[in-house]
Each structure stands twice: as structure tokens, then as C-alpha cells.
Amino acid sequence: MCVSTYCNHGVTRRGALTAAAGFAVAAGVGRATATEGSAEQPKPNAIGADAALRRLMEGNARYVANKPAHRDFSAGRAERTRSQYPIAAVLSCADSRVAPEFVFDEGPGDLFVVRLAGNFANDDGLASLEYAVKFLGVPLVLVLGHSNCGAIAATIKVVEDNAELPGHLPGLVQSIKPAVEAAKAKSPHDLLAAAIKENVALNVNRLETAQPLLANFAQTKQVKIVGGVYDLANGTVGLLS
């Protein structure tokens, strides 16, 4: 499967470079770090991956305790029209019960969220994450699965019962199927829960090895890619080891 933003779409090298330059201008930033020998100040999200992850988990603890930080969502609205400095990118399921900004008690501009049913990295989602890392300078990428995922459950039905799904759903299932099959091979007590974790782990690996951008950023420690599962019942996010 092609993981380049520009492959198979008839885009020339010059066009790709022009598009990349356009992204950089629109974002208003390059990598969000100070340049050596420059008077430029570090960007607000130049905090490091571990600090970003700690902030997310502290926010999740507030969410679970129902003690969110007081925030005025109108504050900073005008300033955000000029630039954005998210501390993390989140690849999340489109499930209506999963809202990363609430789950991690973050405000507008704090998270760059890519969502689709089953939280897997297709080419468009991958391109979005590349943009977040390359041009917005996010230090952390989190693949966030969740309990009772309908997309995973549907894929299990296809794998085990040869269920037939309408429309474009078979294509979605094909992207999740490797995780279900890998989980099933381990004969887990709870196939759904195991497949949800396996799906997160497989997509963390895909992002860590996605050429040419994310793999390089991950290998050089400019970005950290982690996985977690959100529990719908109690609100906690458990990180995968």
C-alpha cells in the first residue's frame, strides 16, 4: 500500500513541493523548535513528547474525576486565527462517544485530531498526521482505540461469520481485518477487547515505519508515537506498553 501523500495522483515533484510550501505558509510554522543562532523563540508546543504525554494523562485524570480545568473557549480565539500549536496529534475512532478534547481535558488548538471508524491509518489520515508532525511540530502522536468499538465488532462478524456489509464498509473492514486475525490467533478470552488493542498496536507500528516522513521523525526522536485504549464506561485511557 502506498503511504506517500503524493503517489498515484499524477502529482509532479514540482507540484508536490509547491503544495508542501503552501502547507507551511498556511500553518505559519516549520518544526516548532527554535533555530540555532536565531532569535526565534521556541513555539508553545515545543515541550517534548514525554511532557506532552504527561499533560494528556493528567487531563484524562481530571476528566475521569469530573474536575475539568476551567476554561473560557472564547479566550485566544482571535490569536488562533494566525497560527496553531497543538501538543499532540490523535488518531481516533469516529465513534460519537469518543471526543479526544474532552477525554484529555484540552482546549481549542491543543490537539490535532484525525478521526475515522476503527482508528486506522489510511493514506489520507497518514498525510494529515505527516502535516501535523512536519509543519505544526507536534512532538507526540497517539493512536486512540476504545472499548466496544463497533467497527472492530463488525470486522469480527465478517471474519468469523462471513457477514456481508453494504456500501463502502467492506473496504473499511479490510483495513481492520489484520488486527482481528492477529488477535484471534492468540485465542483470547475476549476477542473484541484483544482485537481493539491489536488494532492500536498495528497502527502505531504502521506510523512508526511510514516512509518517508514519520519513520524519519520517529527514528530521530523528533516525535514519539504511542497507543492507548479509552474505556467508555469509566473514562480512563490505558496506554499500551
Protein backbone atom coordinates (compact mmCIF):
# COMPACT_ATOMS: atom_id res chain seq x y z
CA MET A 1 0.00 0.00 0.00
CA CYS A 2 1.32 3.42 -0.89
CA VAL A 3 1.95 5.65 2.12
CA SER A 4 3.07 8.77 0.30
CA THR A 5 0.79 11.78 0.20
CA TYR A 6 1.57 12.34 -3.46
CA CYS A 7 1.67 8.85 -5.01
CA ASN A 8 -0.73 7.64 -7.67
CA HIS A 9 -2.40 11.01 -8.07
CA GLY A 10 -0.46 12.36 -11.03
CA VAL A 11 1.30 14.99 -8.94
CA THR A 12 4.66 16.17 -10.23
CA ARG A 13 7.65 16.72 -7.98
CA ARG A 14 7.35 20.47 -8.55
CA GLY A 15 3.66 20.29 -7.67
CA ALA A 16 4.41 18.33 -4.51
CA LEU A 17 6.99 20.87 -3.41
CA THR A 18 4.60 23.72 -4.15
CA ALA A 19 1.88 22.01 -2.12
CA ALA A 20 4.28 21.44 0.78
CA ALA A 21 5.29 25.10 0.71
CA GLY A 22 1.64 26.06 0.76
CA PHE A 23 1.06 23.92 3.84
CA ALA A 24 3.99 25.58 5.60
CA VAL A 25 2.66 29.05 4.84
CA ALA A 26 -0.86 28.10 5.93
CA ALA A 27 0.45 26.64 9.16
CA GLY A 28 2.65 29.64 9.83
CA VAL A 29 5.37 27.39 11.19
CA GLY A 30 8.00 24.84 10.30
CA ARG A 31 9.05 22.40 13.01
CA ALA A 32 8.09 24.06 16.28
CA THR A 33 11.57 24.47 17.69
CA ALA A 34 13.98 27.35 17.95
CA THR A 35 16.59 27.55 15.20
CA GLU A 36 20.19 27.55 16.38
CA GLY A 37 21.66 31.02 16.13
CA SER A 38 18.24 32.56 15.56
CA ALA A 39 16.35 34.98 17.76
CA GLU A 40 13.19 32.94 17.20
CA GLN A 41 11.63 31.77 20.43
CA PRO A 42 10.55 28.16 20.98
CA LYS A 43 6.93 27.59 19.97
CA PRO A 44 4.32 26.88 22.66
CA ASN A 45 4.20 23.19 21.72
CA ALA A 46 7.99 22.66 21.79
CA ILE A 47 7.64 20.76 25.05
CA GLY A 48 8.88 17.29 24.19
CA ALA A 49 6.93 14.07 23.76
CA ASP A 50 7.10 12.91 27.37
CA ALA A 51 5.82 16.25 28.66
CA ALA A 52 3.02 16.20 26.09
CA LEU A 53 2.01 12.67 27.07
CA ARG A 54 2.10 13.58 30.76
CA ARG A 55 -0.15 16.55 30.08
CA LEU A 56 -2.64 14.35 28.23
CA MET A 57 -2.78 11.78 31.01
CA GLU A 58 -3.15 14.47 33.69
CA GLY A 59 -6.02 15.87 31.64
CA ASN A 60 -7.59 12.41 31.42
CA ALA A 61 -7.38 12.10 35.19
CA ARG A 62 -9.29 15.38 35.55
CA TYR A 63 -11.87 14.14 33.06
CA VAL A 64 -12.36 10.87 34.95
CA ALA A 65 -12.72 12.77 38.25
CA ASN A 66 -15.21 15.14 36.57
CA LYS A 67 -12.97 18.06 37.53
CA PRO A 68 -12.09 19.66 34.20
CA ALA A 69 -9.92 22.74 34.20
CA HIS A 70 -11.99 25.90 33.99
CA ARG A 71 -11.67 27.35 30.54
CA ASP A 72 -13.12 30.17 28.55
CA PHE A 73 -13.37 28.87 24.98
CA SER A 74 -13.60 32.38 23.58
CA ALA A 75 -10.22 33.29 25.07
CA GLY A 76 -7.49 33.27 22.44
CA ARG A 77 -9.93 32.87 19.57
CA ALA A 78 -8.54 35.82 17.60
CA GLU A 79 -4.95 34.73 18.24
CA ARG A 80 -5.69 31.23 16.96
CA THR A 81 -6.63 32.63 13.56
CA ARG A 82 -2.94 33.35 12.94
CA SER A 83 -1.36 30.04 13.98
CA GLN A 84 -1.84 26.76 15.81
CA TYR A 85 0.47 24.87 18.15
CA PRO A 86 -1.13 21.53 19.10
CA ILE A 87 0.80 19.49 21.65
CA ALA A 88 -0.27 16.16 20.16
CA ALA A 89 -1.91 14.56 17.14
CA VAL A 90 -4.55 11.92 17.90
CA LEU A 91 -5.69 9.21 15.50
CA SER A 92 -9.10 8.42 16.97
CA CYS A 93 -12.24 6.48 16.13
CA ALA A 94 -15.17 8.45 14.71
CA ASP A 95 -17.43 6.96 17.41
CA SER A 96 -19.69 9.73 18.77
CA ARG A 97 -18.90 8.68 22.35
CA VAL A 98 -15.18 9.39 21.89
CA ALA A 99 -14.16 13.07 21.94
CA PRO A 100 -10.39 13.43 22.44
CA GLU A 101 -10.55 17.08 23.53
CA PHE A 102 -12.91 16.11 26.35
CA VAL A 103 -11.14 12.83 27.16
CA PHE A 104 -7.87 14.68 27.73
CA ASP A 105 -9.40 17.93 29.02
CA GLU A 106 -7.75 20.07 26.36
CA GLY A 107 -8.98 23.23 24.70
CA PRO A 108 -9.23 24.54 21.12
CA GLY A 109 -5.91 24.38 19.32
CA ASP A 110 -4.36 21.87 21.75
CA LEU A 111 -4.97 18.66 19.78
CA PHE A 112 -4.76 17.84 16.08
CA VAL A 113 -7.36 15.10 15.69
CA VAL A 114 -7.77 12.67 12.79
CA ARG A 115 -10.90 10.53 13.10
CA LEU A 116 -12.41 7.63 11.21
CA ALA A 117 -14.26 4.49 12.26
CA GLY A 118 -11.77 1.93 13.54
CA ASN A 119 -8.94 4.44 14.13
CA PHE A 120 -6.65 3.02 11.46
CA ALA A 121 -4.18 4.95 9.33
CA ASN A 122 -5.31 5.12 5.72
CA ASP A 123 -3.38 7.26 3.23
CA ASP A 124 -5.41 10.43 3.84
CA GLY A 125 -5.15 10.09 7.60
CA LEU A 126 -1.44 9.41 7.29
CA ALA A 127 -1.00 12.56 5.20
CA SER A 128 -2.83 14.57 7.87
CA LEU A 129 -0.53 13.20 10.57
CA GLU A 130 2.51 13.97 8.41
CA TYR A 131 1.27 17.54 8.17
CA ALA A 132 0.88 17.76 11.95
CA VAL A 133 4.38 16.47 12.56
CA LYS A 134 6.22 18.21 9.73
CA PHE A 135 4.54 21.62 9.69
CA LEU A 136 2.85 22.02 13.07
CA GLY A 137 5.66 20.49 15.09
CA VAL A 138 3.62 18.12 17.26
CA PRO A 139 6.00 16.12 19.48
CA LEU A 140 3.53 13.27 20.12
CA VAL A 141 1.19 11.10 18.06
CA LEU A 142 -1.37 8.98 19.91
CA VAL A 143 -3.38 6.18 18.30
CA LEU A 144 -6.52 6.01 20.43
CA GLY A 145 -8.80 2.96 20.31
CA HIS A 146 -11.79 2.46 22.58
CA SER A 147 -13.82 -0.28 24.23
CA ASN A 148 -16.88 -1.73 22.49
CA CYS A 149 -15.71 -0.46 19.10
CA GLY A 150 -18.44 -1.11 16.51
CA ALA A 151 -16.01 -1.12 13.59
CA ILE A 152 -13.92 -3.84 15.22
CA ALA A 153 -17.03 -5.81 16.18
CA ALA A 154 -18.28 -5.66 12.58
CA THR A 155 -14.94 -6.93 11.33
CA ILE A 156 -15.12 -9.84 13.75
CA LYS A 157 -18.54 -10.72 12.30
CA VAL A 158 -17.03 -10.73 8.81
CA VAL A 159 -14.06 -12.86 9.86
CA GLU A 160 -16.00 -15.38 11.95
CA ASP A 161 -19.43 -15.47 10.31
CA ASN A 162 -18.71 -14.30 6.75
CA ALA A 163 -21.11 -11.40 7.30
CA GLU A 164 -21.69 -9.19 4.25
CA LEU A 165 -21.72 -5.43 4.74
CA PRO A 166 -23.21 -2.78 2.42
CA GLY A 167 -21.69 0.21 0.67
CA HIS A 168 -18.05 1.06 1.35
CA LEU A 169 -17.95 -0.82 4.66
CA PRO A 170 -16.12 -3.84 3.19
CA GLY A 171 -13.18 -1.58 2.40
CA LEU A 172 -13.07 -0.34 5.97
CA VAL A 173 -13.23 -3.91 7.26
CA GLN A 174 -10.28 -4.90 5.07
CA SER A 175 -8.15 -2.31 6.86
CA ILE A 176 -9.10 -3.66 10.30
CA LYS A 177 -9.07 -7.38 9.40
CA PRO A 178 -5.33 -7.93 10.06
CA ALA A 179 -5.79 -6.86 13.68
CA VAL A 180 -8.76 -9.20 14.19
CA GLU A 181 -6.91 -12.13 12.64
CA ALA A 182 -3.79 -11.45 14.71
CA ALA A 183 -5.84 -11.28 17.90
CA LYS A 184 -7.85 -14.40 17.03
CA ALA A 185 -4.63 -16.38 16.51
CA LYS A 186 -3.86 -15.88 20.20
CA SER A 187 -7.20 -17.43 21.27
CA PRO A 188 -8.09 -14.63 23.70
CA HIS A 189 -10.91 -14.90 26.23
CA ASP A 190 -12.40 -11.64 24.87
CA LEU A 191 -11.75 -11.39 21.14
CA LEU A 192 -13.24 -7.91 20.81
CA ALA A 193 -11.06 -6.41 23.55
CA ALA A 194 -7.98 -8.19 22.20
CA ALA A 195 -8.65 -7.05 18.64
CA ILE A 196 -9.11 -3.44 19.78
CA LYS A 197 -5.66 -3.47 21.38
CA GLU A 198 -4.13 -5.30 18.43
CA ASN A 199 -5.56 -2.72 16.05
CA VAL A 200 -3.98 0.10 18.04
CA ALA A 201 -0.62 -1.69 18.17
CA LEU A 202 -0.60 -2.42 14.43
CA ASN A 203 -1.35 1.20 13.60
CA VAL A 204 1.31 2.50 15.96
CA ASN A 205 3.76 0.28 14.08
CA ARG A 206 2.50 1.48 10.73
CA LEU A 207 3.02 5.10 11.69
CA GLU A 208 6.47 4.41 13.15
CA THR A 209 7.56 2.83 9.87
CA ALA A 210 5.69 5.10 7.43
CA GLN A 211 8.14 6.42 4.85
CA PRO A 212 9.35 8.97 4.16
CA LEU A 213 8.31 11.37 6.91
CA LEU A 214 7.03 9.73 10.08
CA ALA A 215 9.62 6.96 10.15
CA ASN A 216 12.42 9.51 9.98
CA PHE A 217 10.91 11.71 12.70
CA ALA A 218 10.34 8.68 14.93
CA GLN A 219 13.84 7.28 14.40
CA THR A 220 15.46 10.63 15.19
CA LYS A 221 13.31 11.04 18.32
CA GLN A 222 11.66 14.20 16.99
CA VAL A 223 8.28 12.61 17.55
CA LYS A 224 7.01 9.84 19.79
CA ILE A 225 4.20 7.55 18.62
CA VAL A 226 2.18 5.71 21.29
CA GLY A 227 -1.09 3.82 21.57
CA GLY A 228 -3.89 3.77 24.09
CA VAL A 229 -7.43 2.47 24.64
CA TYR A 230 -10.24 4.61 26.02
CA ASP A 231 -12.71 2.85 28.32
CA LEU A 232 -16.21 4.10 27.53
CA ALA A 233 -17.55 3.02 30.90
CA ASN A 234 -15.12 4.76 33.25
CA GLY A 235 -13.42 7.33 31.01
CA THR A 236 -9.86 6.19 31.58
CA VAL A 237 -7.23 5.88 28.88
CA GLY A 238 -4.87 2.92 29.30
CA LEU A 239 -1.60 3.23 27.42
CA LEU A 240 -0.23 0.22 25.58
CA SER A 241 3.17 -0.83 26.86
